[in-house]
């Protein structure tokens, strides 16, 4: 039976220990320092489960539409590809990931549209949860009932423009109302 040892990631800097006072061996906190040395190779015939250089051990992401809450919350940005709005969509995606890093948002998907009926579309959707009743209900609802847990955060045609990040504070109001957004933060309006 092979013994397993914890190996340091060769690509990431080692996290500071709890006893680190800021200066250790002449390296200040924040400095990368020398990269950790890889652990000696083990001579086993079995393939290691965490081999970063063996594609046969890779597992795809579990994007299972919110089953068991694994990949929630998630955002989908639909945009008109014929209007050349890819850069605006990627900017929005980047800003959302910088503002709400995982696990606040697990994934942000870009969906280009180029059908005539989707011309001029720029929508931001948020999936927080899926209820089991909605998952197994095969009746088609009307309006928001058919959205199955998705919430429309922004629509360019309804809002008459593209979202600024202060406008997408709506996502924060849903997933993390107590998070401070800094200088662009607006107070959350509480409905009476």
Protein backbone atom coordinates (compact mmCIF):
# COMPACT_ATOMS: atom_id res chain seq x y z
CA UNK A 1 0.00 0.00 0.00
CA UNK A 2 1.46 3.32 -1.08
CA UNK A 3 1.46 6.18 1.36
CA UNK A 4 0.34 9.57 0.18
CA UNK A 5 1.93 12.77 1.28
CA UNK A 6 0.67 16.30 0.92
CA UNK A 7 2.46 18.02 -1.92
CA UNK A 8 2.80 21.75 -2.41
CA UNK A 9 1.43 23.09 -5.66
CA UNK A 10 4.34 23.93 -7.95
CA UNK A 11 2.25 26.61 -9.70
CA UNK A 12 0.94 28.47 -6.62
CA UNK A 13 2.81 30.23 -3.81
CA UNK A 14 2.56 28.55 -0.43
CA UNK A 15 -0.05 30.12 1.87
CA UNK A 16 1.36 31.95 4.89
CA UNK A 17 1.19 29.95 8.10
CA UNK A 18 -0.80 31.14 11.09
CA UNK A 19 2.41 31.67 13.05
CA UNK A 20 3.93 33.82 10.30
CA UNK A 21 4.64 37.25 11.78
CA UNK A 22 5.29 38.92 8.45
CA UNK A 23 9.05 38.34 8.28
CA UNK A 24 10.41 34.83 7.92
CA UNK A 25 13.83 33.91 6.63
CA UNK A 26 14.31 37.36 5.13
CA UNK A 27 11.14 37.16 3.04
CA UNK A 28 8.41 39.70 3.71
CA UNK A 29 4.72 38.79 3.50
CA UNK A 30 3.53 39.35 -0.05
CA UNK A 31 6.89 38.40 -1.59
CA UNK A 32 6.78 35.20 -3.58
CA UNK A 33 10.10 33.85 -2.43
CA UNK A 34 11.55 30.73 -4.04
CA UNK A 35 9.03 28.29 -5.51
CA UNK A 36 8.39 25.15 -3.47
CA UNK A 37 10.34 22.09 -4.47
CA UNK A 38 8.34 19.24 -5.95
CA UNK A 39 8.03 16.13 -3.83
CA UNK A 40 10.09 13.15 -4.91
CA UNK A 41 8.34 10.90 -7.41
CA UNK A 42 6.76 7.77 -6.02
CA UNK A 43 7.30 4.55 -7.88
CA UNK A 44 3.82 3.11 -8.07
CA UNK A 45 2.10 1.43 -10.97
CA UNK A 46 -1.27 3.05 -10.19
CA UNK A 47 -2.10 6.40 -11.74
CA UNK A 48 -2.28 9.17 -9.16
CA UNK A 49 -5.69 10.82 -8.88
CA UNK A 50 -4.27 14.35 -8.82
CA UNK A 51 -1.67 14.14 -11.59
CA UNK A 52 -1.78 17.60 -13.20
CA UNK A 53 0.08 16.44 -16.29
CA UNK A 54 -2.01 13.34 -17.08
CA UNK A 55 -5.23 14.20 -18.99
CA UNK A 56 -6.70 10.79 -18.21
CA UNK A 57 -7.11 11.89 -14.56
CA UNK A 58 -8.94 15.14 -15.38
CA UNK A 59 -12.62 15.57 -14.56
CA UNK A 60 -14.84 18.12 -16.31
CA UNK A 61 -16.61 20.80 -14.25
CA UNK A 62 -19.93 19.77 -12.73
CA UNK A 63 -22.27 22.20 -14.48
CA UNK A 64 -25.40 20.34 -13.55
CA UNK A 65 -27.97 23.14 -13.60
CA UNK A 66 -27.87 23.58 -9.85
CA UNK A 67 -28.46 20.05 -8.60
CA UNK A 68 -27.32 19.83 -4.99
CA UNK A 69 -26.29 23.49 -5.18
CA UNK A 70 -22.80 22.59 -6.41
CA UNK A 71 -22.36 25.31 -9.01
CA UNK A 72 -24.68 27.99 -7.68
CA UNK A 73 -25.04 30.89 -7.90
CA UNK A 74 -24.17 31.35 -11.56
CA UNK A 75 -24.62 34.08 -14.13
CA UNK A 76 -25.40 33.88 -17.84
CA UNK A 77 -24.77 36.87 -20.10
CA UNK A 78 -26.69 36.68 -23.39
CA UNK A 79 -25.54 39.10 -26.06
CA UNK A 80 -26.13 39.81 -29.75
CA UNK A 81 -23.09 38.64 -31.66
CA UNK A 82 -24.16 40.48 -34.82
CA UNK A 83 -23.99 43.76 -32.87
CA UNK A 84 -20.38 42.92 -31.91
CA UNK A 85 -21.04 43.03 -28.16
CA UNK A 86 -18.57 40.30 -27.20
CA UNK A 87 -16.13 42.80 -25.66
CA UNK A 88 -18.86 44.42 -23.59
CA UNK A 89 -19.98 40.97 -22.39
CA UNK A 90 -16.44 39.92 -21.44
CA UNK A 91 -15.89 43.23 -19.63
CA UNK A 92 -19.08 42.61 -17.63
CA UNK A 93 -17.97 39.04 -16.93
CA UNK A 94 -14.54 40.18 -15.73
CA UNK A 95 -15.96 42.88 -13.47
CA UNK A 96 -18.44 40.44 -11.93
CA UNK A 97 -15.69 37.89 -11.22
CA UNK A 98 -13.48 40.58 -9.68
CA UNK A 99 -16.34 41.83 -7.52
CA UNK A 100 -17.77 38.41 -6.61
CA UNK A 101 -14.96 35.81 -6.75
CA UNK A 102 -15.85 32.16 -6.13
CA UNK A 103 -17.67 30.95 -4.09
CA UNK A 104 -19.87 34.08 -4.30
CA UNK A 105 -20.36 33.35 -8.02
CA UNK A 106 -19.33 29.92 -9.24
CA UNK A 107 -19.57 30.52 -12.97
CA UNK A 108 -20.34 33.20 -15.52
CA UNK A 109 -21.26 31.95 -18.97
CA UNK A 110 -21.26 34.02 -22.16
CA UNK A 111 -23.96 33.06 -24.67
CA UNK A 112 -23.63 34.72 -28.10
CA UNK A 113 -26.89 35.02 -30.05
CA UNK A 114 -27.19 35.71 -33.77
CA UNK A 115 -30.76 34.80 -34.72
CA UNK A 116 -33.01 37.57 -36.08
CA UNK A 117 -35.30 37.38 -33.01
CA UNK A 118 -32.35 37.94 -30.65
CA UNK A 119 -31.02 41.02 -32.44
CA UNK A 120 -29.86 43.74 -30.05
CA UNK A 121 -30.10 41.47 -27.01
CA UNK A 122 -27.94 42.01 -23.95
CA UNK A 123 -29.31 40.25 -20.88
CA UNK A 124 -27.77 39.28 -17.57
CA UNK A 125 -29.38 36.31 -15.81
CA UNK A 126 -28.72 34.94 -12.31
CA UNK A 127 -29.47 31.39 -11.15
CA UNK A 128 -29.49 31.19 -7.37
CA UNK A 129 -31.35 27.96 -6.80
CA UNK A 130 -33.67 25.45 -8.43
CA UNK A 131 -36.62 24.07 -6.58
CA UNK A 132 -37.47 20.42 -6.99
CA UNK A 133 -41.10 21.28 -7.73
CA UNK A 134 -40.01 23.39 -10.70
CA UNK A 135 -37.52 20.77 -11.88
CA UNK A 136 -40.14 18.06 -12.26
CA UNK A 137 -43.13 20.21 -13.23
CA UNK A 138 -43.78 19.61 -16.92
CA UNK A 139 -46.40 22.33 -17.28
CA UNK A 140 -45.23 25.43 -19.06
CA UNK A 141 -45.82 28.49 -16.90
CA UNK A 142 -46.40 32.04 -17.98
CA UNK A 143 -43.92 34.85 -17.52
CA UNK A 144 -41.48 34.46 -14.66
CA UNK A 145 -42.98 31.10 -13.66
CA UNK A 146 -41.27 29.42 -16.62
CA UNK A 147 -37.85 30.83 -15.71
CA UNK A 148 -37.26 27.91 -13.34
CA UNK A 149 -35.15 29.69 -10.74
CA UNK A 150 -33.47 32.17 -13.09
CA UNK A 151 -33.73 35.87 -12.29
CA UNK A 152 -33.41 38.56 -14.94
CA UNK A 153 -30.94 41.10 -13.59
CA UNK A 154 -30.56 43.30 -16.67
CA UNK A 155 -32.10 43.63 -20.13
CA UNK A 156 -30.70 46.28 -22.47
CA UNK A 157 -34.03 46.94 -24.17
CA UNK A 158 -36.01 47.33 -20.94
CA UNK A 159 -33.34 49.37 -19.14
CA UNK A 160 -32.54 51.36 -22.32
CA UNK A 161 -28.81 50.86 -22.18
CA UNK A 162 -25.95 48.70 -21.03
CA UNK A 163 -25.25 48.00 -17.37
CA UNK A 164 -22.56 49.80 -15.45
CA UNK A 165 -21.13 47.87 -12.55
CA UNK A 166 -23.02 50.02 -10.07
CA UNK A 167 -26.21 48.87 -11.84
CA UNK A 168 -25.23 45.23 -11.45
CA UNK A 169 -25.22 45.83 -7.70
CA UNK A 170 -28.56 44.01 -8.04
CA UNK A 171 -26.59 40.77 -8.08
CA UNK A 172 -24.95 41.71 -4.79
CA UNK A 173 -28.37 42.56 -3.33
CA UNK A 174 -29.48 39.00 -4.14
CA UNK A 175 -26.43 36.86 -3.33
CA UNK A 176 -24.55 38.88 -0.67
CA UNK A 177 -26.56 41.87 0.63
CA UNK A 178 -24.08 42.63 3.41
CA UNK A 179 -21.05 42.89 1.08
CA UNK A 180 -19.66 46.41 0.74
CA UNK A 181 -18.93 47.49 -2.83
CA UNK A 182 -16.95 50.58 -1.92
CA UNK A 183 -17.43 53.97 -3.57
CA UNK A 184 -20.05 52.80 -6.10
CA UNK A 185 -22.27 51.26 -3.45
CA UNK A 186 -25.85 52.46 -3.19
CA UNK A 187 -27.87 51.72 -0.06
CA UNK A 188 -30.16 48.72 -0.45
CA UNK A 189 -33.78 49.80 -0.61
CA UNK A 190 -35.94 47.81 1.77
CA UNK A 191 -39.54 47.41 0.68
CA UNK A 192 -42.06 48.08 3.43
